Amino acid sequence: MAKLPSYAKALLLQGASTTGNFTDGYHFIEEQLQVRHAEDLFRFCKWIDARIGGAASGNIDMLYAAYRNPGDAQLAAQAEGLAQIIKRIKNI
């Protein structure tokens, strides 16, 4: 997948909102995913939880691009910047 499908974006955000993180959220919504997307989306959810700490509708597309293109320095910097913001928010 070059881009995160809109149906998957909505489901992943719904799952994370319901369960509190993306990996558990994936399991909450996995039966609604297309089989051809499932494995990649599960790895993406684990990546968000391990490296970023969360996502929202306004940044999930950028995060998916960073996940799919790990060698892109600009995307990596954006993702790392978001991770730092999330860490600060969680520590408040």
PDB file of N, CA and C in Angstrom:
ATOM      1  N   MET A   1       0.838  -1.176   0.000  1.00  0.00           N
ATOM      2  CA  MET A   1       0.000   0.000   0.000  1.00  0.00           C
ATOM      3  C   MET A   1       0.883   1.240   0.000  1.00  0.00           C
ATOM      4  N   ALA A   2       0.671   2.087  -0.930  1.00  0.00           N
ATOM      5  CA  ALA A   2       1.419   3.342  -0.978  1.00  0.00           C
ATOM      6  C   ALA A   2       0.834   4.364  -0.005  1.00  0.00           C
ATOM      7  N   LYS A   3      -0.473   4.380   0.104  1.00  0.00           N
ATOM      8  CA  LYS A   3      -1.155   5.312   1.004  1.00  0.00           C
ATOM      9  C   LYS A   3      -2.061   4.518   1.934  1.00  0.00           C
ATOM     10  N   LEU A   4      -2.320   5.091   3.071  1.00  0.00           N
ATOM     11  CA  LEU A   4      -3.222   4.473   4.031  1.00  0.00           C
ATOM     12  C   LEU A   4      -4.656   4.617   3.514  1.00  0.00           C
ATOM     13  N   PRO A   5      -5.346   3.500   3.257  1.00  0.00           N
ATOM     14  CA  PRO A   5      -6.722   3.594   2.762  1.00  0.00           C
ATOM     15  C   PRO A   5      -7.622   4.319   3.767  1.00  0.00           C
ATOM     16  N   SER A   6      -8.539   5.096   3.264  1.00  0.00           N
ATOM     17  CA  SER A   6      -9.390   5.900   4.155  1.00  0.00           C
ATOM     18  C   SER A   6     -10.218   5.028   5.098  1.00  0.00           C
ATOM     19  N   TYR A   7     -10.698   3.881   4.626  1.00  0.00           N
ATOM     20  CA  TYR A   7     -11.478   3.006   5.504  1.00  0.00           C
ATOM     21  C   TYR A   7     -10.603   2.503   6.659  1.00  0.00           C
ATOM     22  N   ALA A   8      -9.338   2.183   6.345  1.00  0.00           N
ATOM     23  CA  ALA A   8      -8.419   1.672   7.362  1.00  0.00           C
ATOM     24  C   ALA A   8      -8.063   2.770   8.362  1.00  0.00           C
ATOM     25  N   LYS A   9      -7.858   3.965   7.870  1.00  0.00           N
ATOM     26  CA  LYS A   9      -7.553   5.097   8.753  1.00  0.00           C
ATOM     27  C   LYS A   9      -8.668   5.271   9.774  1.00  0.00           C
ATOM     28  N   ALA A  10      -9.908   5.298   9.317  1.00  0.00           N
ATOM     29  CA  ALA A  10     -11.044   5.480  10.219  1.00  0.00           C
ATOM     30  C   ALA A  10     -11.125   4.347  11.239  1.00  0.00           C
ATOM     31  N   LEU A  11     -10.924   3.125  10.787  1.00  0.00           N
ATOM     32  CA  LEU A  11     -10.997   1.987  11.707  1.00  0.00           C
ATOM     33  C   LEU A  11      -9.866   2.001  12.722  1.00  0.00           C
ATOM     34  N   LEU A  12      -8.640   2.280  12.270  1.00  0.00           N
ATOM     35  CA  LEU A  12      -7.510   2.304  13.201  1.00  0.00           C
ATOM     36  C   LEU A  12      -7.684   3.382  14.261  1.00  0.00           C
ATOM     37  N   LEU A  13      -8.138   4.547  13.849  1.00  0.00           N
ATOM     38  CA  LEU A  13      -8.363   5.632  14.813  1.00  0.00           C
ATOM     39  C   LEU A  13      -9.489   5.279  15.781  1.00  0.00           C
ATOM     40  N   GLN A  14     -10.533   4.649  15.286  1.00  0.00           N
ATOM     41  CA  GLN A  14     -11.639   4.212  16.145  1.00  0.00           C
ATOM     42  C   GLN A  14     -11.149   3.172  17.151  1.00  0.00           C
ATOM     43  N   GLY A  15     -10.388   2.208  16.677  1.00  0.00           N
ATOM     44  CA  GLY A  15      -9.872   1.162  17.561  1.00  0.00           C
ATOM     45  C   GLY A  15      -8.965   1.722  18.638  1.00  0.00           C
ATOM     46  N   ALA A  16      -8.060   2.621  18.257  1.00  0.00           N
ATOM     47  CA  ALA A  16      -7.148   3.221  19.228  1.00  0.00           C
ATOM     48  C   ALA A  16      -7.903   4.079  20.229  1.00  0.00           C
ATOM     49  N   SER A  17      -8.898   4.789  19.759  1.00  0.00           N
ATOM     50  CA  SER A  17      -9.707   5.626  20.649  1.00  0.00           C
ATOM     51  C   SER A  17     -10.453   4.766  21.668  1.00  0.00           C
ATOM     52  N   THR A  18     -10.911   3.620  21.231  1.00  0.00           N
ATOM     53  CA  THR A  18     -11.676   2.730  22.104  1.00  0.00           C
ATOM     54  C   THR A  18     -10.788   2.026  23.125  1.00  0.00           C
ATOM     55  N   THR A  19      -9.612   1.571  22.691  1.00  0.00           N
ATOM     56  CA  THR A  19      -8.783   0.731  23.561  1.00  0.00           C
ATOM     57  C   THR A  19      -7.641   1.475  24.241  1.00  0.00           C
ATOM     58  N   GLY A  20      -7.240   2.619  23.716  1.00  0.00           N
ATOM     59  CA  GLY A  20      -6.171   3.391  24.337  1.00  0.00           C
ATOM     60  C   GLY A  20      -4.823   3.292  23.661  1.00  0.00           C
ATOM     61  N   ASN A  21      -4.668   2.347  22.734  1.00  0.00           N
ATOM     62  CA  ASN A  21      -3.437   2.277  21.941  1.00  0.00           C
ATOM     63  C   ASN A  21      -3.747   1.607  20.611  1.00  0.00           C
ATOM     64  N   PHE A  22      -2.812   1.708  19.693  1.00  0.00           N
ATOM     65  CA  PHE A  22      -3.080   1.226  18.335  1.00  0.00           C
ATOM     66  C   PHE A  22      -3.010  -0.286  18.196  1.00  0.00           C
ATOM     67  N   THR A  23      -2.139  -0.943  18.943  1.00  0.00           N
ATOM     68  CA  THR A  23      -2.028  -2.397  18.818  1.00  0.00           C
ATOM     69  C   THR A  23      -3.294  -3.075  19.331  1.00  0.00           C
ATOM     70  N   ASP A  24      -3.754  -2.683  20.510  1.00  0.00           N
ATOM     71  CA  ASP A  24      -5.004  -3.243  21.020  1.00  0.00           C
ATOM     72  C   ASP A  24      -6.176  -2.810  20.142  1.00  0.00           C
ATOM     73  N   GLY A  25      -6.118  -1.584  19.659  1.00  0.00           N
ATOM     74  CA  GLY A  25      -7.157  -1.094  18.768  1.00  0.00           C
ATOM     75  C   GLY A  25      -7.258  -1.904  17.491  1.00  0.00           C
ATOM     76  N   TYR A  26      -6.098  -2.337  16.984  1.00  0.00           N
ATOM     77  CA  TYR A  26      -6.093  -3.191  15.794  1.00  0.00           C
ATOM     78  C   TYR A  26      -6.913  -4.449  16.048  1.00  0.00           C
ATOM     79  N   HIS A  27      -6.674  -5.088  17.180  1.00  0.00           N
ATOM     80  CA  HIS A  27      -7.405  -6.320  17.494  1.00  0.00           C
ATOM     81  C   HIS A  27      -8.905  -6.064  17.635  1.00  0.00           C
ATOM     82  N   PHE A  28      -9.255  -4.879  18.080  1.00  0.00           N
ATOM     83  CA  PHE A  28     -10.661  -4.501  18.227  1.00  0.00           C
ATOM     84  C   PHE A  28     -11.365  -4.412  16.874  1.00  0.00           C
ATOM     85  N   ILE A  29     -10.648  -3.987  15.825  1.00  0.00           N
ATOM     86  CA  ILE A  29     -11.288  -3.734  14.523  1.00  0.00           C
ATOM     87  C   ILE A  29     -10.811  -4.681  13.421  1.00  0.00           C
ATOM     88  N   GLU A  30      -9.931  -5.625  13.737  1.00  0.00           N
ATOM     89  CA  GLU A  30      -9.284  -6.408  12.677  1.00  0.00           C
ATOM     90  C   GLU A  30     -10.235  -7.177  11.774  1.00  0.00           C
ATOM     91  N   GLU A  31     -11.365  -7.604  12.269  1.00  0.00           N
ATOM     92  CA  GLU A  31     -12.303  -8.354  11.435  1.00  0.00           C
ATOM     93  C   GLU A  31     -12.938  -7.498  10.341  1.00  0.00           C
ATOM     94  N   GLN A  32     -12.828  -6.189  10.479  1.00  0.00           N
ATOM     95  CA  GLN A  32     -13.402  -5.285   9.480  1.00  0.00           C
ATOM     96  C   GLN A  32     -12.392  -4.893   8.398  1.00  0.00           C
ATOM     97  N   LEU A  33     -11.137  -5.314   8.560  1.00  0.00           N
ATOM     98  CA  LEU A  33     -10.087  -4.961   7.599  1.00  0.00           C
ATOM     99  C   LEU A  33     -10.071  -5.913   6.423  1.00  0.00           C
ATOM    100  N   GLN A  34      -9.646  -5.418   5.291  1.00  0.00           N
ATOM    101  CA  GLN A  34      -9.424  -6.283   4.144  1.00  0.00           C
ATOM    102  C   GLN A  34      -8.172  -7.121   4.427  1.00  0.00           C
ATOM    103  N   VAL A  35      -8.256  -8.404   4.140  1.00  0.00           N
ATOM    104  CA  VAL A  35      -7.168  -9.334   4.449  1.00  0.00           C
ATOM    105  C   VAL A  35      -5.857  -8.869   3.822  1.00  0.00           C
ATOM    106  N   ARG A  36      -5.893  -8.330   2.634  1.00  0.00           N
ATOM    107  CA  ARG A  36      -4.669  -7.922   1.945  1.00  0.00           C
ATOM    108  C   ARG A  36      -3.957  -6.768   2.646  1.00  0.00           C
ATOM    109  N   HIS A  37      -4.652  -6.042   3.515  1.00  0.00           N
ATOM    110  CA  HIS A  37      -4.049  -4.918   4.237  1.00  0.00           C
ATOM    111  C   HIS A  37      -3.671  -5.270   5.675  1.00  0.00           C
ATOM    112  N   ALA A  38      -4.190  -6.371   6.189  1.00  0.00           N
ATOM    113  CA  ALA A  38      -4.129  -6.659   7.626  1.00  0.00           C
ATOM    114  C   ALA A  38      -2.702  -6.716   8.183  1.00  0.00           C
ATOM    115  N   GLU A  39      -1.822  -7.451   7.583  1.00  0.00           N
ATOM    116  CA  GLU A  39      -0.474  -7.623   8.134  1.00  0.00           C
ATOM    117  C   GLU A  39       0.285  -6.297   8.195  1.00  0.00           C
ATOM    118  N   ASP A  40       0.230  -5.535   7.124  1.00  0.00           N
ATOM    119  CA  ASP A  40       0.915  -4.234   7.101  1.00  0.00           C
ATOM    120  C   ASP A  40       0.335  -3.290   8.140  1.00  0.00           C
ATOM    121  N   LEU A  41      -0.978  -3.281   8.276  1.00  0.00           N
ATOM    122  CA  LEU A  41      -1.614  -2.386   9.247  1.00  0.00           C
ATOM    123  C   LEU A  41      -1.285  -2.788  10.677  1.00  0.00           C
ATOM    124  N   PHE A  42      -1.182  -4.088  10.938  1.00  0.00           N
ATOM    125  CA  PHE A  42      -0.799  -4.528  12.275  1.00  0.00           C
ATOM    126  C   PHE A  42       0.626  -4.059  12.602  1.00  0.00           C
ATOM    127  N   ARG A  43       1.536  -4.218  11.658  1.00  0.00           N
ATOM    128  CA  ARG A  43       2.915  -3.742  11.880  1.00  0.00           C
ATOM    129  C   ARG A  43       2.946  -2.227  12.072  1.00  0.00           C
ATOM    130  N   PHE A  44       2.128  -1.501  11.323  1.00  0.00           N
ATOM    131  CA  PHE A  44       2.045  -0.055  11.473  1.00  0.00           C
ATOM    132  C   PHE A  44       1.552   0.315  12.872  1.00  0.00           C
ATOM    133  N   CYS A  45       0.547  -0.379  13.359  1.00  0.00           N
ATOM    134  CA  CYS A  45       0.035  -0.103  14.707  1.00  0.00           C
ATOM    135  C   CYS A  45       1.099  -0.354  15.766  1.00  0.00           C
ATOM    136  N   LYS A  46       1.832  -1.450  15.629  1.00  0.00           N
ATOM    137  CA  LYS A  46       2.910  -1.730  16.579  1.00  0.00           C
ATOM    138  C   LYS A  46       3.986  -0.653  16.502  1.00  0.00           C
ATOM    139  N   TRP A  47       4.286  -0.174  15.292  1.00  0.00           N
ATOM    140  CA  TRP A  47       5.278   0.889  15.088  1.00  0.00           C
ATOM    141  C   TRP A  47       4.827   2.180  15.771  1.00  0.00           C
ATOM    142  N   ILE A  48       3.565   2.545  15.620  1.00  0.00           N
ATOM    143  CA  ILE A  48       3.053   3.759  16.270  1.00  0.00           C
ATOM    144  C   ILE A  48       3.224   3.651  17.781  1.00  0.00           C
ATOM    145  N   ASP A  49       2.803   2.528  18.358  1.00  0.00           N
ATOM    146  CA  ASP A  49       2.875   2.373  19.810  1.00  0.00           C
ATOM    147  C   ASP A  49       4.320   2.375  20.310  1.00  0.00           C
ATOM    148  N   ALA A  50       5.214   1.736  19.584  1.00  0.00           N
ATOM    149  CA  ALA A  50       6.603   1.619  20.034  1.00  0.00           C
ATOM    150  C   ALA A  50       7.417   2.894  19.813  1.00  0.00           C
ATOM    151  N   ARG A  51       7.189   3.573  18.712  1.00  0.00           N
ATOM    152  CA  ARG A  51       8.058   4.700  18.353  1.00  0.00           C
ATOM    153  C   ARG A  51       7.440   6.080  18.517  1.00  0.00           C
ATOM    154  N   ILE A  52       6.120   6.165  18.420  1.00  0.00           N
ATOM    155  CA  ILE A  52       5.482   7.485  18.409  1.00  0.00           C
ATOM    156  C   ILE A  52       4.682   7.725  19.683  1.00  0.00           C
ATOM    157  N   GLY A  53       3.883   6.768  20.075  1.00  0.00           N
ATOM    158  CA  GLY A  53       3.093   6.919  21.287  1.00  0.00           C
ATOM    159  C   GLY A  53       1.655   7.318  21.046  1.00  0.00           C
ATOM    160  N   GLY A  54       1.268   7.487  19.796  1.00  0.00           N
ATOM    161  CA  GLY A  54      -0.108   7.841  19.475  1.00  0.00           C
ATOM    162  C   GLY A  54      -0.191   8.528  18.125  1.00  0.00           C
ATOM    163  N   ALA A  55      -1.406   8.769  17.700  1.00  0.00           N
ATOM    164  CA  ALA A  55      -1.652   9.446  16.423  1.00  0.00           C
ATOM    165  C   ALA A  55      -3.079   9.971  16.425  1.00  0.00           C
ATOM    166  N   ALA A  56      -3.354  10.853  15.496  1.00  0.00           N
ATOM    167  CA  ALA A  56      -4.691  11.433  15.343  1.00  0.00           C
ATOM    168  C   ALA A  56      -4.985  11.573  13.855  1.00  0.00           C
ATOM    169  N   SER A  57      -6.191  11.970  13.548  1.00  0.00           N
ATOM    170  CA  SER A  57      -6.594  12.079  12.141  1.00  0.00           C
ATOM    171  C   SER A  57      -5.728  13.065  11.366  1.00  0.00           C
ATOM    172  N   GLY A  58      -5.195  14.071  12.030  1.00  0.00           N
ATOM    173  CA  GLY A  58      -4.386  15.076  11.354  1.00  0.00           C
ATOM    174  C   GLY A  58      -2.954  14.674  11.079  1.00  0.00           C
ATOM    175  N   ASN A  59      -2.483  13.568  11.671  1.00  0.00           N
ATOM    176  CA  ASN A  59      -1.087  13.181  11.445  1.00  0.00           C
ATOM    177  C   ASN A  59      -0.886  11.719  11.056  1.00  0.00           C
ATOM    178  N   ILE A  60      -1.937  10.936  11.021  1.00  0.00           N
ATOM    179  CA  ILE A  60      -1.759   9.504  10.752  1.00  0.00           C
ATOM    180  C   ILE A  60      -1.257   9.247   9.326  1.00  0.00           C
ATOM    181  N   ASP A  61      -1.637  10.071   8.362  1.00  0.00           N
ATOM    182  CA  ASP A  61      -1.137   9.883   6.998  1.00  0.00           C
ATOM    183  C   ASP A  61       0.373  10.136   6.930  1.00  0.00           C
ATOM    184  N   MET A  62       0.835  11.178   7.611  1.00  0.00           N
ATOM    185  CA  MET A  62       2.275  11.463   7.657  1.00  0.00           C
ATOM    186  C   MET A  62       3.006  10.320   8.342  1.00  0.00           C
ATOM    187  N   LEU A  63       2.432   9.798   9.417  1.00  0.00           N
ATOM    188  CA  LEU A  63       3.078   8.696  10.130  1.00  0.00           C
ATOM    189  C   LEU A  63       3.139   7.440   9.264  1.00  0.00           C
ATOM    190  N   TYR A  64       2.087   7.187   8.509  1.00  0.00           N
ATOM    191  CA  TYR A  64       2.111   6.021   7.625  1.00  0.00           C
ATOM    192  C   TYR A  64       3.188   6.188   6.556  1.00  0.00           C
ATOM    193  N   ALA A  65       3.321   7.395   6.037  1.00  0.00           N
ATOM    194  CA  ALA A  65       4.374   7.655   5.049  1.00  0.00           C
ATOM    195  C   ALA A  65       5.753   7.459   5.675  1.00  0.00           C
ATOM    196  N   ALA A  66       5.938   7.897   6.922  1.00  0.00           N
ATOM    197  CA  ALA A  66       7.221   7.714   7.611  1.00  0.00           C
ATOM    198  C   ALA A  66       7.484   6.236   7.860  1.00  0.00           C
ATOM    199  N   TYR A  67       6.474   5.501   8.251  1.00  0.00           N
ATOM    200  CA  TYR A  67       6.585   4.056   8.476  1.00  0.00           C
ATOM    201  C   TYR A  67       6.969   3.329   7.184  1.00  0.00           C
ATOM    202  N   ARG A  68       6.355   3.704   6.087  1.00  0.00           N
ATOM    203  CA  ARG A  68       6.605   3.035   4.807  1.00  0.00           C
ATOM    204  C   ARG A  68       7.916   3.467   4.146  1.00  0.00           C
ATOM    205  N   ASN A  69       8.450   4.621   4.545  1.00  0.00           N
ATOM    206  CA  ASN A  69       9.669   5.167   3.943  1.00  0.00           C
ATOM    207  C   ASN A  69      10.687   5.501   5.033  1.00  0.00           C
ATOM    208  N   PRO A  70      11.230   4.493   5.702  1.00  0.00           N
ATOM    209  CA  PRO A  70      12.116   4.754   6.842  1.00  0.00           C
ATOM    210  C   PRO A  70      13.399   5.503   6.483  1.00  0.00           C
ATOM    211  N   GLY A  71      13.777   5.514   5.229  1.00  0.00           N
ATOM    212  CA  GLY A  71      14.974   6.229   4.813  1.00  0.00           C
ATOM    213  C   GLY A  71      14.756   7.697   4.498  1.00  0.00           C
ATOM    214  N   ASP A  72      13.532   8.170   4.563  1.00  0.00           N
ATOM    215  CA  ASP A  72      13.218   9.565   4.262  1.00  0.00           C
ATOM    216  C   ASP A  72      13.478  10.410   5.510  1.00  0.00           C
ATOM    217  N   ALA A  73      14.538  11.185   5.481  1.00  0.00           N
ATOM    218  CA  ALA A  73      14.958  11.963   6.652  1.00  0.00           C
ATOM    219  C   ALA A  73      13.910  12.986   7.072  1.00  0.00           C
ATOM    220  N   GLN A  74      13.250  13.616   6.120  1.00  0.00           N
ATOM    221  CA  GLN A  74      12.243  14.629   6.448  1.00  0.00           C
ATOM    222  C   GLN A  74      11.053  13.994   7.177  1.00  0.00           C
ATOM    223  N   LEU A  75      10.564  12.875   6.666  1.00  0.00           N
ATOM    224  CA  LEU A  75       9.456  12.188   7.326  1.00  0.00           C
ATOM    225  C   LEU A  75       9.868  11.667   8.697  1.00  0.00           C
ATOM    226  N   ALA A  76      11.079  11.148   8.789  1.00  0.00           N
ATOM    227  CA  ALA A  76      11.575  10.646  10.072  1.00  0.00           C
ATOM    228  C   ALA A  76      11.645  11.771  11.097  1.00  0.00           C
ATOM    229  N   ALA A  77      12.077  12.934  10.678  1.00  0.00           N
ATOM    230  CA  ALA A  77      12.161  14.087  11.586  1.00  0.00           C
ATOM    231  C   ALA A  77      10.768  14.528  12.033  1.00  0.00           C
ATOM    232  N   GLN A  78       9.809  14.531  11.114  1.00  0.00           N
ATOM    233  CA  GLN A  78       8.440  14.887  11.486  1.00  0.00           C
ATOM    234  C   GLN A  78       7.867  13.888  12.491  1.00  0.00           C
ATOM    235  N   ALA A  79       8.090  12.612  12.239  1.00  0.00           N
ATOM    236  CA  ALA A  79       7.590  11.577  13.143  1.00  0.00           C
ATOM    237  C   ALA A  79       8.256  11.695  14.508  1.00  0.00           C
ATOM    238  N   GLU A  80       9.552  11.926  14.540  1.00  0.00           N
ATOM    239  CA  GLU A  80      10.272  12.073  15.811  1.00  0.00           C
ATOM    240  C   GLU A  80       9.790  13.317  16.561  1.00  0.00           C
ATOM    241  N   GLY A  81       9.548  14.396  15.850  1.00  0.00           N
ATOM    242  CA  GLY A  81       9.020  15.602  16.476  1.00  0.00           C
ATOM    243  C   GLY A  81       7.673  15.346  17.129  1.00  0.00           C
ATOM    244  N   LEU A  82       6.813  14.617  16.445  1.00  0.00           N
ATOM    245  CA  LEU A  82       5.509  14.276  17.005  1.00  0.00           C
ATOM    246  C   LEU A  82       5.683  13.380  18.227  1.00  0.00           C
ATOM    247  N   ALA A  83       6.593  12.421  18.146  1.00  0.00           N
ATOM    248  CA  ALA A  83       6.841  11.528  19.284  1.00  0.00           C
ATOM    249  C   ALA A  83       7.266  12.320  20.519  1.00  0.00           C
ATOM    250  N   GLN A  84       8.113  13.330  20.328  1.00  0.00           N
ATOM    251  CA  GLN A  84       8.557  14.152  21.456  1.00  0.00           C
ATOM    252  C   GLN A  84       7.400  14.946  22.056  1.00  0.00           C
ATOM    253  N   ILE A  85       6.539  15.475  21.214  1.00  0.00           N
ATOM    254  CA  ILE A  85       5.372  16.216  21.696  1.00  0.00           C
ATOM    255  C   ILE A  85       4.458  15.288  22.510  1.00  0.00           C
ATOM    256  N   ILE A  86       4.219  14.103  21.989  1.00  0.00           N
ATOM    257  CA  ILE A  86       3.358  13.147  22.691  1.00  0.00           C
ATOM    258  C   ILE A  86       3.954  12.751  24.032  1.00  0.00           C
ATOM    259  N   LYS A  87       5.267  12.529  24.070  1.00  0.00           N
ATOM    260  CA  LYS A  87       5.916  12.191  25.342  1.00  0.00           C
ATOM    261  C   LYS A  87       5.737  13.312  26.361  1.00  0.00           C
ATOM    262  N   ARG A  88       5.886  14.565  25.927  1.00  0.00           N
ATOM    263  CA  ARG A  88       5.707  15.701  26.843  1.00  0.00           C
ATOM    264  C   ARG A  88       4.253  15.752  27.347  1.00  0.00           C
ATOM    265  N   ILE A  89       3.319  15.546  26.461  1.00  0.00           N
ATOM    266  CA  ILE A  89       1.907  15.590  26.850  1.00  0.00           C
ATOM    267  C   ILE A  89       1.598  14.488  27.853  1.00  0.00           C
ATOM    268  N   LYS A  90       2.109  13.300  27.630  1.00  0.00           N
ATOM    269  CA  LYS A  90       1.841  12.174  28.526  1.00  0.00           C
ATOM    270  C   LYS A  90       2.488  12.358  29.887  1.00  0.00           C
ATOM    271  N   ASN A  91       3.532  13.166  29.959  1.00  0.00           N
ATOM    272  CA  ASN A  91       4.215  13.399  31.225  1.00  0.00           C
ATOM    273  C   ASN A  91       3.614  14.541  32.032  1.00  0.00           C
ATOM    274  N   ILE A  92       2.632  15.216  31.490  1.00  0.00           N
ATOM    275  CA  ILE A  92       2.022  16.350  32.209  1.00  0.00           C
ATOM    276  C   ILE A  92       1.151  15.829  33.326  1.00  0.00           C
TER     277      ILE A  92
END
